[in-house]
PDB file of N, CA and C in Angstrom:
ATOM      1  N   UNK A   1      27.409 126.897  -3.660  1.00  0.00           N
ATOM      2  CA  UNK A   1      27.009 127.509  -4.923  1.00  0.00           C
ATOM      3  C   UNK A   1      26.260 128.804  -4.646  1.00  0.00           C
ATOM      4  N   UNK A   2      26.715 129.879  -5.288  1.00  0.00           N
ATOM      5  CA  UNK A   2      26.046 131.167  -5.115  1.00  0.00           C
ATOM      6  C   UNK A   2      24.853 131.256  -6.060  1.00  0.00           C
ATOM      7  N   UNK A   3      23.669 131.387  -5.490  1.00  0.00           N
ATOM      8  CA  UNK A   3      22.476 131.494  -6.308  1.00  0.00           C
ATOM      9  C   UNK A   3      21.919 132.914  -6.328  1.00  0.00           C
ATOM     10  N   UNK A   4      22.397 133.753  -5.408  1.00  0.00           N
ATOM     11  CA  UNK A   4      21.988 135.158  -5.439  1.00  0.00           C
ATOM     12  C   UNK A   4      23.175 136.027  -5.030  1.00  0.00           C
ATOM     13  N   UNK A   5      23.070 137.308  -5.326  1.00  0.00           N
ATOM     14  CA  UNK A   5      24.147 138.257  -5.053  1.00  0.00           C
ATOM     15  C   UNK A   5      23.765 139.270  -3.974  1.00  0.00           C
ATOM     16  N   UNK A   6      22.832 138.925  -3.114  1.00  0.00           N
ATOM     17  CA  UNK A   6      22.355 139.875  -2.112  1.00  0.00           C
ATOM     18  C   UNK A   6      23.502 140.369  -1.241  1.00  0.00           C
ATOM     19  N   UNK A   7      24.331 139.467  -0.751  1.00  0.00           N
ATOM     20  CA  UNK A   7      25.445 139.853   0.118  1.00  0.00           C
ATOM     21  C   UNK A   7      26.403 140.802  -0.599  1.00  0.00           C
ATOM     22  N   UNK A   8      26.700 140.507  -1.847  1.00  0.00           N
ATOM     23  CA  UNK A   8      27.604 141.351  -2.638  1.00  0.00           C
ATOM     24  C   UNK A   8      27.017 142.746  -2.837  1.00  0.00           C
ATOM     25  N   UNK A   9      25.750 142.806  -3.194  1.00  0.00           N
ATOM     26  CA  UNK A   9      25.099 144.104  -3.430  1.00  0.00           C
ATOM     27  C   UNK A   9      25.038 144.911  -2.134  1.00  0.00           C
ATOM     28  N   UNK A  10      24.715 144.270  -1.031  1.00  0.00           N
ATOM     29  CA  UNK A  10      24.697 144.980   0.253  1.00  0.00           C
ATOM     30  C   UNK A  10      26.079 145.557   0.554  1.00  0.00           C
ATOM     31  N   UNK A  11      27.099 144.767   0.325  1.00  0.00           N
ATOM     32  CA  UNK A  11      28.472 145.221   0.570  1.00  0.00           C
ATOM     33  C   UNK A  11      28.831 146.398  -0.329  1.00  0.00           C
ATOM     34  N   UNK A  12      28.494 146.283  -1.607  1.00  0.00           N
ATOM     35  CA  UNK A  12      28.782 147.366  -2.563  1.00  0.00           C
ATOM     36  C   UNK A  12      28.100 148.664  -2.160  1.00  0.00           C
ATOM     37  N   UNK A  13      26.899 148.571  -1.611  1.00  0.00           N
ATOM     38  CA  UNK A  13      26.125 149.752  -1.232  1.00  0.00           C
ATOM     39  C   UNK A  13      26.375 150.195   0.211  1.00  0.00           C
ATOM     40  N   UNK A  14      27.148 149.413   0.962  1.00  0.00           N
ATOM     41  CA  UNK A  14      27.423 149.761   2.348  1.00  0.00           C
ATOM     42  C   UNK A  14      26.201 149.643   3.247  1.00  0.00           C
ATOM     43  N   UNK A  15      25.350 148.663   2.948  1.00  0.00           N
ATOM     44  CA  UNK A  15      24.105 148.464   3.697  1.00  0.00           C
ATOM     45  C   UNK A  15      24.223 147.191   4.524  1.00  0.00           C
ATOM     46  N   UNK A  16      23.730 147.247   5.740  1.00  0.00           N
ATOM     47  CA  UNK A  16      23.824 146.083   6.625  1.00  0.00           C
ATOM     48  C   UNK A  16      22.644 145.129   6.424  1.00  0.00           C
ATOM     49  N   UNK A  17      22.874 143.885   6.791  1.00  0.00           N
ATOM     50  CA  UNK A  17      21.805 142.891   6.757  1.00  0.00           C
ATOM     51  C   UNK A  17      20.706 143.254   7.754  1.00  0.00           C
ATOM     52  N   UNK A  18      21.095 143.846   8.865  1.00  0.00           N
ATOM     53  CA  UNK A  18      20.125 144.262   9.879  1.00  0.00           C
ATOM     54  C   UNK A  18      19.161 145.291   9.311  1.00  0.00           C
ATOM     55  N   UNK A  19      19.710 146.271   8.575  1.00  0.00           N
ATOM     56  CA  UNK A  19      18.869 147.305   7.967  1.00  0.00           C
ATOM     57  C   UNK A  19      17.907 146.680   6.964  1.00  0.00           C
ATOM     58  N   UNK A  20      18.422 145.787   6.122  1.00  0.00           N
ATOM     59  CA  UNK A  20      17.565 145.136   5.126  1.00  0.00           C
ATOM     60  C   UNK A  20      16.478 144.321   5.811  1.00  0.00           C
ATOM     61  N   UNK A  21      16.825 143.628   6.872  1.00  0.00           N
ATOM     62  CA  UNK A  21      15.836 142.829   7.603  1.00  0.00           C
ATOM     63  C   UNK A  21      14.697 143.714   8.106  1.00  0.00           C
ATOM     64  N   UNK A  22      15.034 144.881   8.627  1.00  0.00           N
ATOM     65  CA  UNK A  22      14.000 145.810   9.110  1.00  0.00           C
ATOM     66  C   UNK A  22      13.119 146.287   7.966  1.00  0.00           C
ATOM     67  N   UNK A  23      13.727 146.592   6.817  1.00  0.00           N
ATOM     68  CA  UNK A  23      12.962 147.062   5.663  1.00  0.00           C
ATOM     69  C   UNK A  23      12.008 145.986   5.146  1.00  0.00           C
ATOM     70  N   UNK A  24      12.451 144.733   5.205  1.00  0.00           N
ATOM     71  CA  UNK A  24      11.634 143.618   4.723  1.00  0.00           C
ATOM     72  C   UNK A  24      10.647 143.111   5.768  1.00  0.00           C
ATOM     73  N   UNK A  25      10.793 143.581   7.005  1.00  0.00           N
ATOM     74  CA  UNK A  25      10.002 143.091   8.132  1.00  0.00           C
ATOM     75  C   UNK A  25      10.212 141.578   8.304  1.00  0.00           C
ATOM     76  N   UNK A  26      11.491 141.191   8.221  1.00  0.00           N
ATOM     77  CA  UNK A  26      11.883 139.797   8.412  1.00  0.00           C
ATOM     78  C   UNK A  26      12.967 139.764   9.481  1.00  0.00           C
ATOM     79  N   UNK A  27      13.210 138.601  10.023  1.00  0.00           N
ATOM     80  CA  UNK A  27      14.237 138.467  11.056  1.00  0.00           C
ATOM     81  C   UNK A  27      15.627 138.589  10.427  1.00  0.00           C
ATOM     82  N   UNK A  28      16.586 138.985  11.265  1.00  0.00           N
ATOM     83  CA  UNK A  28      17.969 139.032  10.801  1.00  0.00           C
ATOM     84  C   UNK A  28      18.401 137.644  10.341  1.00  0.00           C
ATOM     85  N   UNK A  29      17.989 136.614  11.063  1.00  0.00           N
ATOM     86  CA  UNK A  29      18.368 135.236  10.727  1.00  0.00           C
ATOM     87  C   UNK A  29      17.916 134.854   9.321  1.00  0.00           C
ATOM     88  N   UNK A  30      16.705 135.265   8.947  1.00  0.00           N
ATOM     89  CA  UNK A  30      16.189 134.950   7.614  1.00  0.00           C
ATOM     90  C   UNK A  30      16.996 135.683   6.543  1.00  0.00           C
ATOM     91  N   UNK A  31      17.250 136.970   6.749  1.00  0.00           N
ATOM     92  CA  UNK A  31      18.019 137.742   5.775  1.00  0.00           C
ATOM     93  C   UNK A  31      19.445 137.197   5.681  1.00  0.00           C
ATOM     94  N   UNK A  32      20.014 136.810   6.822  1.00  0.00           N
ATOM     95  CA  UNK A  32      21.346 136.222   6.809  1.00  0.00           C
ATOM     96  C   UNK A  32      21.352 134.917   6.007  1.00  0.00           C
ATOM     97  N   UNK A  33      20.308 134.123   6.131  1.00  0.00           N
ATOM     98  CA  UNK A  33      20.201 132.878   5.355  1.00  0.00           C
ATOM     99  C   UNK A  33      20.127 133.187   3.856  1.00  0.00           C
ATOM    100  N   UNK A  34      19.412 134.264   3.486  1.00  0.00           N
ATOM    101  CA  UNK A  34      19.370 134.679   2.077  1.00  0.00           C
ATOM    102  C   UNK A  34      20.765 135.083   1.600  1.00  0.00           C
ATOM    103  N   UNK A  35      21.428 135.918   2.393  1.00  0.00           N
ATOM    104  CA  UNK A  35      22.715 136.463   1.944  1.00  0.00           C
ATOM    105  C   UNK A  35      23.803 135.398   1.888  1.00  0.00           C
ATOM    106  N   UNK A  36      23.685 134.382   2.724  1.00  0.00           N
ATOM    107  CA  UNK A  36      24.682 133.292   2.728  1.00  0.00           C
ATOM    108  C   UNK A  36      24.286 132.157   1.788  1.00  0.00           C
ATOM    109  N   UNK A  37      23.179 132.333   1.076  1.00  0.00           N
ATOM    110  CA  UNK A  37      22.686 131.348   0.116  1.00  0.00           C
ATOM    111  C   UNK A  37      22.327 130.006   0.756  1.00  0.00           C
ATOM    112  N   UNK A  38      21.943 130.040   2.027  1.00  0.00           N
ATOM    113  CA  UNK A  38      21.440 128.822   2.676  1.00  0.00           C
ATOM    114  C   UNK A  38      19.979 128.601   2.311  1.00  0.00           C
ATOM    115  N   UNK A  39      19.243 129.708   2.142  1.00  0.00           N
ATOM    116  CA  UNK A  39      17.839 129.697   1.744  1.00  0.00           C
ATOM    117  C   UNK A  39      17.695 130.712   0.622  1.00  0.00           C
ATOM    118  N   UNK A  40      16.886 130.386  -0.370  1.00  0.00           N
ATOM    119  CA  UNK A  40      16.646 131.338  -1.448  1.00  0.00           C
ATOM    120  C   UNK A  40      15.301 132.027  -1.236  1.00  0.00           C
ATOM    121  N   UNK A  41      15.290 133.355  -1.344  1.00  0.00           N
ATOM    122  CA  UNK A  41      14.010 134.060  -1.216  1.00  0.00           C
ATOM    123  C   UNK A  41      13.118 133.745  -2.410  1.00  0.00           C
ATOM    124  N   UNK A  42      11.810 133.795  -2.179  1.00  0.00           N
ATOM    125  CA  UNK A  42      10.912 133.594  -3.312  1.00  0.00           C
ATOM    126  C   UNK A  42      10.991 134.816  -4.230  1.00  0.00           C
ATOM    127  N   UNK A  43      10.412 134.711  -5.382  1.00  0.00           N
ATOM    128  CA  UNK A  43      10.522 135.773  -6.384  1.00  0.00           C
ATOM    129  C   UNK A  43       9.945 137.095  -5.885  1.00  0.00           C
ATOM    130  N   UNK A  44       8.848 137.038  -5.149  1.00  0.00           N
ATOM    131  CA  UNK A  44       8.235 138.251  -4.610  1.00  0.00           C
ATOM    132  C   UNK A  44       9.200 138.959  -3.643  1.00  0.00           C
ATOM    133  N   UNK A  45       9.838 138.188  -2.779  1.00  0.00           N
ATOM    134  CA  UNK A  45      10.791 138.763  -1.825  1.00  0.00           C
ATOM    135  C   UNK A  45      12.013 139.302  -2.548  1.00  0.00           C
ATOM    136  N   UNK A  46      12.489 138.573  -3.537  1.00  0.00           N
ATOM    137  CA  UNK A  46      13.635 139.023  -4.316  1.00  0.00           C
ATOM    138  C   UNK A  46      13.322 140.353  -5.006  1.00  0.00           C
ATOM    139  N   UNK A  47      12.111 140.475  -5.551  1.00  0.00           N
ATOM    140  CA  UNK A  47      11.690 141.728  -6.199  1.00  0.00           C
ATOM    141  C   UNK A  47      11.624 142.853  -5.169  1.00  0.00           C
ATOM    142  N   UNK A  48      11.125 142.549  -3.983  1.00  0.00           N
ATOM    143  CA  UNK A  48      11.039 143.560  -2.924  1.00  0.00           C
ATOM    144  C   UNK A  48      12.427 144.026  -2.498  1.00  0.00           C
ATOM    145  N   UNK A  49      13.372 143.092  -2.404  1.00  0.00           N
ATOM    146  CA  UNK A  49      14.752 143.448  -2.067  1.00  0.00           C
ATOM    147  C   UNK A  49      15.333 144.357  -3.139  1.00  0.00           C
ATOM    148  N   UNK A  50      15.091 144.021  -4.401  1.00  0.00           N
ATOM    149  CA  UNK A  50      15.582 144.852  -5.504  1.00  0.00           C
ATOM    150  C   UNK A  50      15.010 146.268  -5.414  1.00  0.00           C
ATOM    151  N   UNK A  51      13.738 146.383  -5.113  1.00  0.00           N
ATOM    152  CA  UNK A  51      13.104 147.703  -4.983  1.00  0.00           C
ATOM    153  C   UNK A  51      13.711 148.484  -3.825  1.00  0.00           C
ATOM    154  N   UNK A  52      13.885 147.829  -2.698  1.00  0.00           N
ATOM    155  CA  UNK A  52      14.458 148.488  -1.517  1.00  0.00           C
ATOM    156  C   UNK A  52      15.872 148.979  -1.810  1.00  0.00           C
ATOM    157  N   UNK A  53      16.650 148.144  -2.493  1.00  0.00           N
ATOM    158  CA  UNK A  53      18.036 148.494  -2.801  1.00  0.00           C
ATOM    159  C   UNK A  53      18.170 149.358  -4.054  1.00  0.00           C
ATOM    160  N   UNK A  54      17.039 149.598  -4.703  1.00  0.00           N
ATOM    161  CA  UNK A  54      16.975 150.430  -5.917  1.00  0.00           C
ATOM    162  C   UNK A  54      17.916 149.909  -7.002  1.00  0.00           C
ATOM    163  N   UNK A  55      17.761 148.618  -7.281  1.00  0.00           N
ATOM    164  CA  UNK A  55      18.533 147.997  -8.347  1.00  0.00           C
ATOM    165  C   UNK A  55      17.615 147.121  -9.182  1.00  0.00           C
ATOM    166  N   UNK A  56      18.103 146.719 -10.340  1.00  0.00           N
ATOM    167  CA  UNK A  56      17.370 145.820 -11.212  1.00  0.00           C
ATOM    168  C   UNK A  56      17.373 144.426 -10.584  1.00  0.00           C
ATOM    169  N   UNK A  57      16.258 143.744 -10.651  1.00  0.00           N
ATOM    170  CA  UNK A  57      16.149 142.395 -10.104  1.00  0.00           C
ATOM    171  C   UNK A  57      17.263 141.490 -10.642  1.00  0.00           C
ATOM    172  N   UNK A  58      17.591 141.635 -11.906  1.00  0.00           N
ATOM    173  CA  UNK A  58      18.636 140.807 -12.515  1.00  0.00           C
ATOM    174  C   UNK A  58      19.972 140.949 -11.799  1.00  0.00           C
ATOM    175  N   UNK A  59      20.229 142.125 -11.220  1.00  0.00           N
ATOM    176  CA  UNK A  59      21.497 142.363 -10.530  1.00  0.00           C
ATOM    177  C   UNK A  59      21.613 141.592  -9.212  1.00  0.00           C
ATOM    178  N   UNK A  60      20.498 141.070  -8.727  1.00  0.00           N
ATOM    179  CA  UNK A  60      20.538 140.232  -7.530  1.00  0.00           C
ATOM    180  C   UNK A  60      20.825 138.775  -7.881  1.00  0.00           C
ATOM    181  N   UNK A  61      20.749 138.464  -9.155  1.00  0.00           N
ATOM    182  CA  UNK A  61      20.945 137.083  -9.591  1.00  0.00           C
ATOM    183  C   UNK A  61      22.278 136.899 -10.310  1.00  0.00           C
ATOM    184  N   UNK A  62      22.585 137.817 -11.208  1.00  0.00           N
ATOM    185  CA  UNK A  62      23.861 137.733 -11.935  1.00  0.00           C
ATOM    186  C   UNK A  62      24.515 139.103 -11.993  1.00  0.00           C
ATOM    187  N   UNK A  63      25.810 139.100 -12.113  1.00  0.00           N
ATOM    188  CA  UNK A  63      26.586 140.325 -12.253  1.00  0.00           C
ATOM    189  C   UNK A  63      26.396 140.860 -13.672  1.00  0.00           C
ATOM    190  N   UNK A  64      26.281 142.170 -13.822  1.00  0.00           N
ATOM    191  CA  UNK A  64      26.134 142.767 -15.152  1.00  0.00           C
ATOM    192  C   UNK A  64      27.243 142.314 -16.087  1.00  0.00           C
ATOM    193  N   UNK A  65      28.456 142.235 -15.574  1.00  0.00           N
ATOM    194  CA  UNK A  65      29.605 141.821 -16.395  1.00  0.00           C
ATOM    195  C   UNK A  65      29.409 140.406 -16.927  1.00  0.00           C
ATOM    196  N   UNK A  66      28.859 139.538 -16.106  1.00  0.00           N
ATOM    197  CA  UNK A  66      28.618 138.163 -16.539  1.00  0.00           C
ATOM    198  C   UNK A  66      27.562 138.113 -17.642  1.00  0.00           C
ATOM    199  N   UNK A  67      26.559 138.977 -17.566  1.00  0.00           N
ATOM    200  CA  UNK A  67      25.503 138.994 -18.578  1.00  0.00           C
ATOM    201  C   UNK A  67      26.010 139.519 -19.913  1.00  0.00           C
ATOM    202  N   UNK A  68      27.031 140.346 -19.898  1.00  0.00           N
ATOM    203  CA  UNK A  68      27.555 140.954 -21.133  1.00  0.00           C
ATOM    204  C   UNK A  68      28.512 140.038 -21.877  1.00  0.00           C
ATOM    205  N   UNK A  69      28.953 138.984 -21.239  1.00  0.00           N
ATOM    206  CA  UNK A  69      29.913 138.083 -21.895  1.00  0.00           C
ATOM    207  C   UNK A  69      29.226 137.116 -22.809  1.00  0.00           C
TER     208      UNK A  69
END
């Protein structure tokens, strides 16, 4: 079950998990667990990811198209 869209957003923006891990000061393994939905980041981390990626927090949880339906 996909609970976040981090992997999709990274792909859309052409950003690597390694780069995001460095920005968050977290291990690659932790960021990979977030992107593969094995572990969910807490709300503070999710907000920080949204800020780093310069997107709305909601876009990390649901697709804009899904929200408009």
